[in-house]
Amino acid sequence: MKLKRTDYYKLLVRPVVVVSTISEKGISNAAPFSFSSPLSFKPPLYGFSCSPEHHTWRNIKENEEFVVNIIGKDLGPLMHVLEENFSYEVNEIEKAGLNEERSKKIKPPRIREAMAWLECKLESFGEIGDHIWIVGRVLEAEVKDKFWSEVIDVETASPLCHISGEFFATEMKMKRYERALR
């Protein structure tokens, strides 16, 4: 099947994260993203792609901090609320019926219902195509014990992954393969 070049991303299953930020007035914001990736071990860098008009980008420009909330399929039904185009400084975490939790090293809150969190400080950013690629330095990484076993336990965690539009993937199995790591 030949695809349009602009449909390339529909071939990739990507983990969904919810990025939480705060405004200068201290109002929380949260939005889901799936164009994201770890970028570097040393220093620990994480990046994600955000529309330049998005409230997430506005808040990161203002205070240079954000939390990457790693979520499971249980939050899948809330994606439409977190994606809704609320006016600026409407707390999407509250609108989705989720709970804020104090972060360990930065001001934006964690989402308590997430399985893991990356607390990040803005490292750099750049325009790429029609989006802003935001790079954060990971200051704190934490996972709930029940989801950890050397690595994230995908069978227990059941991470939410995005394909396209309303299509998601939720069931995963752990498998080990030998690697020639140096």
C-alpha atoms as a PDB file:
ATOM      1  CA  MET A   1       0.000   0.000   0.000  1.00  0.00           C
ATOM      2  CA  LYS A   2       1.464   3.313  -1.059  1.00  0.00           C
ATOM      3  CA  LEU A   3       0.887   6.140   1.430  1.00  0.00           C
ATOM      4  CA  LYS A   4       1.008   9.866   1.028  1.00  0.00           C
ATOM      5  CA  ARG A   5       4.340  11.122   2.360  1.00  0.00           C
ATOM      6  CA  THR A   6       2.479  13.230   4.902  1.00  0.00           C
ATOM      7  CA  ASP A   7       0.930  10.058   6.392  1.00  0.00           C
ATOM      8  CA  TYR A   8       4.326   8.560   7.331  1.00  0.00           C
ATOM      9  CA  TYR A   9       3.689   8.977  11.076  1.00  0.00           C
ATOM     10  CA  LYS A  10       0.715   6.567  10.879  1.00  0.00           C
ATOM     11  CA  LEU A  11       3.273   3.755  10.552  1.00  0.00           C
ATOM     12  CA  LEU A  12       4.825   4.540  13.941  1.00  0.00           C
ATOM     13  CA  VAL A  13       3.389   3.566  17.323  1.00  0.00           C
ATOM     14  CA  ARG A  14       4.466   6.243  19.806  1.00  0.00           C
ATOM     15  CA  PRO A  15       4.124   6.463  23.605  1.00  0.00           C
ATOM     16  CA  VAL A  16       1.732   9.158  24.790  1.00  0.00           C
ATOM     17  CA  VAL A  17       2.959  11.495  27.496  1.00  0.00           C
ATOM     18  CA  VAL A  18       1.087  14.316  29.154  1.00  0.00           C
ATOM     19  CA  VAL A  19       3.236  17.408  29.618  1.00  0.00           C
ATOM     20  CA  SER A  20       2.289  19.616  32.546  1.00  0.00           C
ATOM     21  CA  THR A  21       3.377  23.236  32.847  1.00  0.00           C
ATOM     22  CA  ILE A  22       2.324  26.336  34.758  1.00  0.00           C
ATOM     23  CA  SER A  23       1.659  29.909  33.710  1.00  0.00           C
ATOM     24  CA  GLU A  24       3.368  32.930  35.266  1.00  0.00           C
ATOM     25  CA  LYS A  25       0.287  33.229  37.516  1.00  0.00           C
ATOM     26  CA  GLY A  26       0.736  29.619  38.713  1.00  0.00           C
ATOM     27  CA  ILE A  27      -2.192  28.094  36.765  1.00  0.00           C
ATOM     28  CA  SER A  28      -1.524  24.483  35.743  1.00  0.00           C
ATOM     29  CA  ASN A  29      -1.753  23.287  32.162  1.00  0.00           C
ATOM     30  CA  ALA A  30      -1.570  19.762  30.732  1.00  0.00           C
ATOM     31  CA  ALA A  31      -1.644  18.377  27.213  1.00  0.00           C
ATOM     32  CA  PRO A  32      -0.878  15.014  25.551  1.00  0.00           C
ATOM     33  CA  PHE A  33       2.010  14.560  23.104  1.00  0.00           C
ATOM     34  CA  SER A  34       3.318  11.589  21.150  1.00  0.00           C
ATOM     35  CA  PHE A  35       6.057  13.075  18.967  1.00  0.00           C
ATOM     36  CA  SER A  36       8.726  12.684  21.662  1.00  0.00           C
ATOM     37  CA  SER A  37      11.948  10.873  22.482  1.00  0.00           C
ATOM     38  CA  PRO A  38      14.888  10.471  24.850  1.00  0.00           C
ATOM     39  CA  LEU A  39      17.801  12.273  23.197  1.00  0.00           C
ATOM     40  CA  SER A  40      20.926  11.776  25.294  1.00  0.00           C
ATOM     41  CA  PHE A  41      22.195   9.785  28.292  1.00  0.00           C
ATOM     42  CA  LYS A  42      24.864  12.311  29.348  1.00  0.00           C
ATOM     43  CA  PRO A  43      23.454  14.790  29.922  1.00  0.00           C
ATOM     44  CA  PRO A  44      19.993  13.237  30.310  1.00  0.00           C
ATOM     45  CA  LEU A  45      17.929  15.004  27.647  1.00  0.00           C
ATOM     46  CA  TYR A  46      14.350  14.449  26.513  1.00  0.00           C
ATOM     47  CA  GLY A  47      12.580  16.153  23.609  1.00  0.00           C
ATOM     48  CA  PHE A  48       9.078  16.601  22.264  1.00  0.00           C
ATOM     49  CA  SER A  49       7.380  18.402  19.421  1.00  0.00           C
ATOM     50  CA  CYS A  50       4.808  21.103  20.182  1.00  0.00           C
ATOM     51  CA  SER A  51       2.735  23.480  18.071  1.00  0.00           C
ATOM     52  CA  PRO A  52       4.004  27.069  18.433  1.00  0.00           C
ATOM     53  CA  GLU A  53       0.460  28.231  19.328  1.00  0.00           C
ATOM     54  CA  HIS A  54       0.089  25.683  22.132  1.00  0.00           C
ATOM     55  CA  HIS A  55      -0.282  26.863  25.757  1.00  0.00           C
ATOM     56  CA  THR A  56       2.386  24.315  26.709  1.00  0.00           C
ATOM     57  CA  TRP A  57       4.984  26.148  24.623  1.00  0.00           C
ATOM     58  CA  ARG A  58       3.870  29.547  25.958  1.00  0.00           C
ATOM     59  CA  ASN A  59       4.318  28.359  29.550  1.00  0.00           C
ATOM     60  CA  ILE A  60       7.689  26.725  28.869  1.00  0.00           C
ATOM     61  CA  LYS A  61       8.943  29.938  27.256  1.00  0.00           C
ATOM     62  CA  GLU A  62       7.822  31.864  30.370  1.00  0.00           C
ATOM     63  CA  ASN A  63       9.281  29.640  33.118  1.00  0.00           C
ATOM     64  CA  GLU A  64      11.479  27.050  31.338  1.00  0.00           C
ATOM     65  CA  GLU A  65      10.129  24.031  33.240  1.00  0.00           C
ATOM     66  CA  PHE A  66       7.843  21.086  32.460  1.00  0.00           C
ATOM     67  CA  VAL A  67       6.898  17.628  33.702  1.00  0.00           C
ATOM     68  CA  VAL A  68       6.611  14.668  31.352  1.00  0.00           C
ATOM     69  CA  ASN A  69       3.870  12.504  32.886  1.00  0.00           C
ATOM     70  CA  ILE A  70       4.134   8.947  31.534  1.00  0.00           C
ATOM     71  CA  ILE A  71       0.653   7.474  31.370  1.00  0.00           C
ATOM     72  CA  GLY A  72      -1.134   4.187  30.867  1.00  0.00           C
ATOM     73  CA  LYS A  73      -4.214   3.131  28.943  1.00  0.00           C
ATOM     74  CA  ASP A  74      -6.423   4.040  31.924  1.00  0.00           C
ATOM     75  CA  LEU A  75      -6.016   7.707  30.932  1.00  0.00           C
ATOM     76  CA  GLY A  76      -6.894   7.030  27.271  1.00  0.00           C
ATOM     77  CA  PRO A  77     -10.539   8.096  27.705  1.00  0.00           C
ATOM     78  CA  LEU A  78      -9.322  11.506  28.961  1.00  0.00           C
ATOM     79  CA  MET A  79      -7.243  12.416  25.906  1.00  0.00           C
ATOM     80  CA  HIS A  80     -10.105  14.373  24.338  1.00  0.00           C
ATOM     81  CA  VAL A  81     -10.410  16.540  27.480  1.00  0.00           C
ATOM     82  CA  LEU A  82      -6.660  17.193  27.675  1.00  0.00           C
ATOM     83  CA  GLU A  83      -6.607  18.086  23.949  1.00  0.00           C
ATOM     84  CA  GLU A  84      -9.565  20.446  24.120  1.00  0.00           C
ATOM     85  CA  ASN A  85      -8.842  24.037  23.143  1.00  0.00           C
ATOM     86  CA  PHE A  86      -9.601  25.687  26.485  1.00  0.00           C
ATOM     87  CA  SER A  87      -8.768  29.339  26.907  1.00  0.00           C
ATOM     88  CA  TYR A  88      -5.364  30.175  28.358  1.00  0.00           C
ATOM     89  CA  GLU A  89      -4.995  29.533  32.087  1.00  0.00           C
ATOM     90  CA  VAL A  90      -7.823  27.010  32.314  1.00  0.00           C
ATOM     91  CA  ASN A  91      -6.530  24.090  34.378  1.00  0.00           C
ATOM     92  CA  GLU A  92      -6.841  21.023  32.117  1.00  0.00           C
ATOM     93  CA  ILE A  93      -5.734  18.729  34.936  1.00  0.00           C
ATOM     94  CA  GLU A  94      -8.847  19.709  36.907  1.00  0.00           C
ATOM     95  CA  LYS A  95     -11.075  19.606  33.805  1.00  0.00           C
ATOM     96  CA  ALA A  96      -9.982  15.996  33.202  1.00  0.00           C
ATOM     97  CA  GLY A  97     -10.733  15.067  36.821  1.00  0.00           C
ATOM     98  CA  LEU A  98      -7.069  14.323  37.529  1.00  0.00           C
ATOM     99  CA  ASN A  99      -5.040  15.284  40.577  1.00  0.00           C
ATOM    100  CA  GLU A 100      -1.971  17.468  40.877  1.00  0.00           C
ATOM    101  CA  GLU A 101       0.999  16.407  42.953  1.00  0.00           C
ATOM    102  CA  ARG A 102       3.934  18.580  43.955  1.00  0.00           C
ATOM    103  CA  SER A 103       7.035  18.022  41.839  1.00  0.00           C
ATOM    104  CA  LYS A 104      10.346  17.364  43.596  1.00  0.00           C
ATOM    105  CA  LYS A 105      12.587  19.895  41.792  1.00  0.00           C
ATOM    106  CA  ILE A 106      10.449  22.236  39.688  1.00  0.00           C
ATOM    107  CA  LYS A 107       7.253  24.296  39.963  1.00  0.00           C
ATOM    108  CA  PRO A 108       4.912  22.630  37.418  1.00  0.00           C
ATOM    109  CA  PRO A 109       2.927  19.827  39.047  1.00  0.00           C
ATOM    110  CA  ARG A 110       3.028  16.131  38.385  1.00  0.00           C
ATOM    111  CA  ILE A 111      -0.193  14.307  37.586  1.00  0.00           C
ATOM    112  CA  ARG A 112      -0.759  11.806  40.413  1.00  0.00           C
ATOM    113  CA  GLU A 113      -2.475   9.257  38.136  1.00  0.00           C
ATOM    114  CA  ALA A 114       0.615   8.948  35.898  1.00  0.00           C
ATOM    115  CA  MET A 115       2.862   5.921  36.325  1.00  0.00           C
ATOM    116  CA  ALA A 116       6.126   7.857  36.022  1.00  0.00           C
ATOM    117  CA  TRP A 117       7.459  11.403  35.758  1.00  0.00           C
ATOM    118  CA  LEU A 118      10.367  13.274  34.209  1.00  0.00           C
ATOM    119  CA  GLU A 119      10.899  16.714  35.705  1.00  0.00           C
ATOM    120  CA  CYS A 120      12.663  18.833  33.093  1.00  0.00           C
ATOM    121  CA  LYS A 121      14.332  22.214  32.725  1.00  0.00           C
ATOM    122  CA  LEU A 122      14.378  23.765  29.242  1.00  0.00           C
ATOM    123  CA  GLU A 123      17.745  23.086  27.613  1.00  0.00           C
ATOM    124  CA  SER A 124      17.075  24.285  24.065  1.00  0.00           C
ATOM    125  CA  PHE A 125      14.429  24.552  21.382  1.00  0.00           C
ATOM    126  CA  GLY A 126      14.163  25.053  17.644  1.00  0.00           C
ATOM    127  CA  GLU A 127      11.631  25.370  14.894  1.00  0.00           C
ATOM    128  CA  ILE A 128      11.360  22.162  12.903  1.00  0.00           C
ATOM    129  CA  GLY A 129       8.752  22.151  10.159  1.00  0.00           C
ATOM    130  CA  ASP A 130       5.469  23.408  11.583  1.00  0.00           C
ATOM    131  CA  HIS A 131       6.403  22.621  15.213  1.00  0.00           C
ATOM    132  CA  ILE A 132       8.819  23.627  17.970  1.00  0.00           C
ATOM    133  CA  TRP A 133      11.170  20.853  19.136  1.00  0.00           C
ATOM    134  CA  ILE A 134      11.582  21.372  22.883  1.00  0.00           C
ATOM    135  CA  VAL A 135      14.562  19.795  24.644  1.00  0.00           C
ATOM    136  CA  GLY A 136      14.562  19.446  28.402  1.00  0.00           C
ATOM    137  CA  ARG A 137      17.284  18.375  30.791  1.00  0.00           C
ATOM    138  CA  VAL A 138      15.890  15.667  33.068  1.00  0.00           C
ATOM    139  CA  LEU A 139      16.380  16.833  36.666  1.00  0.00           C
ATOM    140  CA  GLU A 140      14.331  14.083  38.318  1.00  0.00           C
ATOM    141  CA  ALA A 141      13.005  10.744  37.072  1.00  0.00           C
ATOM    142  CA  GLU A 142      10.641   8.630  39.148  1.00  0.00           C
ATOM    143  CA  VAL A 143       8.342   5.666  38.594  1.00  0.00           C
ATOM    144  CA  LYS A 144       5.781   4.011  40.858  1.00  0.00           C
ATOM    145  CA  ASP A 145       7.294   0.792  42.263  1.00  0.00           C
ATOM    146  CA  LYS A 146       4.625  -1.516  40.833  1.00  0.00           C
ATOM    147  CA  PHE A 147       5.569  -0.493  37.281  1.00  0.00           C
ATOM    148  CA  TRP A 148       9.323  -1.106  37.606  1.00  0.00           C
ATOM    149  CA  SER A 149      11.371  -4.279  37.090  1.00  0.00           C
ATOM    150  CA  GLU A 150      14.844  -3.293  35.744  1.00  0.00           C
ATOM    151  CA  VAL A 151      12.900  -1.319  33.112  1.00  0.00           C
ATOM    152  CA  ILE A 152       9.298  -0.181  32.831  1.00  0.00           C
ATOM    153  CA  ASP A 153       7.095  -3.257  33.178  1.00  0.00           C
ATOM    154  CA  VAL A 154       4.954  -2.758  30.079  1.00  0.00           C
ATOM    155  CA  GLU A 155       2.636  -5.638  30.888  1.00  0.00           C
ATOM    156  CA  THR A 156       1.688  -4.122  34.257  1.00  0.00           C
ATOM    157  CA  ALA A 157       1.893  -0.490  33.147  1.00  0.00           C
ATOM    158  CA  SER A 158       0.055  -0.915  29.840  1.00  0.00           C
ATOM    159  CA  PRO A 159       1.385   2.361  28.422  1.00  0.00           C
ATOM    160  CA  LEU A 160      -0.875   4.316  26.115  1.00  0.00           C
ATOM    161  CA  CYS A 161       0.595   4.623  22.621  1.00  0.00           C
ATOM    162  CA  HIS A 162      -0.715   6.773  19.777  1.00  0.00           C
ATOM    163  CA  ILE A 163      -0.926   5.823  16.130  1.00  0.00           C
ATOM    164  CA  SER A 164      -3.074   8.552  14.547  1.00  0.00           C
ATOM    165  CA  GLY A 165      -6.224  10.491  15.361  1.00  0.00           C
ATOM    166  CA  GLU A 166      -8.429   8.315  17.544  1.00  0.00           C
ATOM    167  CA  PHE A 167      -6.271   5.189  17.021  1.00  0.00           C
ATOM    168  CA  PHE A 168      -4.192   4.028  19.984  1.00  0.00           C
ATOM    169  CA  ALA A 169      -2.313   0.873  21.014  1.00  0.00           C
ATOM    170  CA  THR A 170      -2.414  -0.435  24.572  1.00  0.00           C
ATOM    171  CA  GLU A 171      -1.319  -4.049  25.004  1.00  0.00           C
ATOM    172  CA  MET A 172       2.391  -4.908  25.070  1.00  0.00           C
ATOM    173  CA  LYS A 173       4.540  -7.886  25.983  1.00  0.00           C
ATOM    174  CA  MET A 174       8.094  -7.772  27.313  1.00  0.00           C
ATOM    175  CA  LYS A 175      10.695  -9.625  25.241  1.00  0.00           C
ATOM    176  CA  ARG A 176      14.480  -9.718  25.607  1.00  0.00           C
ATOM    177  CA  TYR A 177      16.927  -9.913  22.696  1.00  0.00           C
ATOM    178  CA  GLU A 178      20.706 -10.069  22.935  1.00  0.00           C
ATOM    179  CA  ARG A 179      22.414  -6.830  22.011  1.00  0.00           C
ATOM    180  CA  ALA A 180      26.013  -5.893  21.327  1.00  0.00           C
ATOM    181  CA  LEU A 181      26.120  -2.915  23.683  1.00  0.00           C
ATOM    182  CA  ARG A 182      29.450  -1.171  24.127  1.00  0.00           C
END
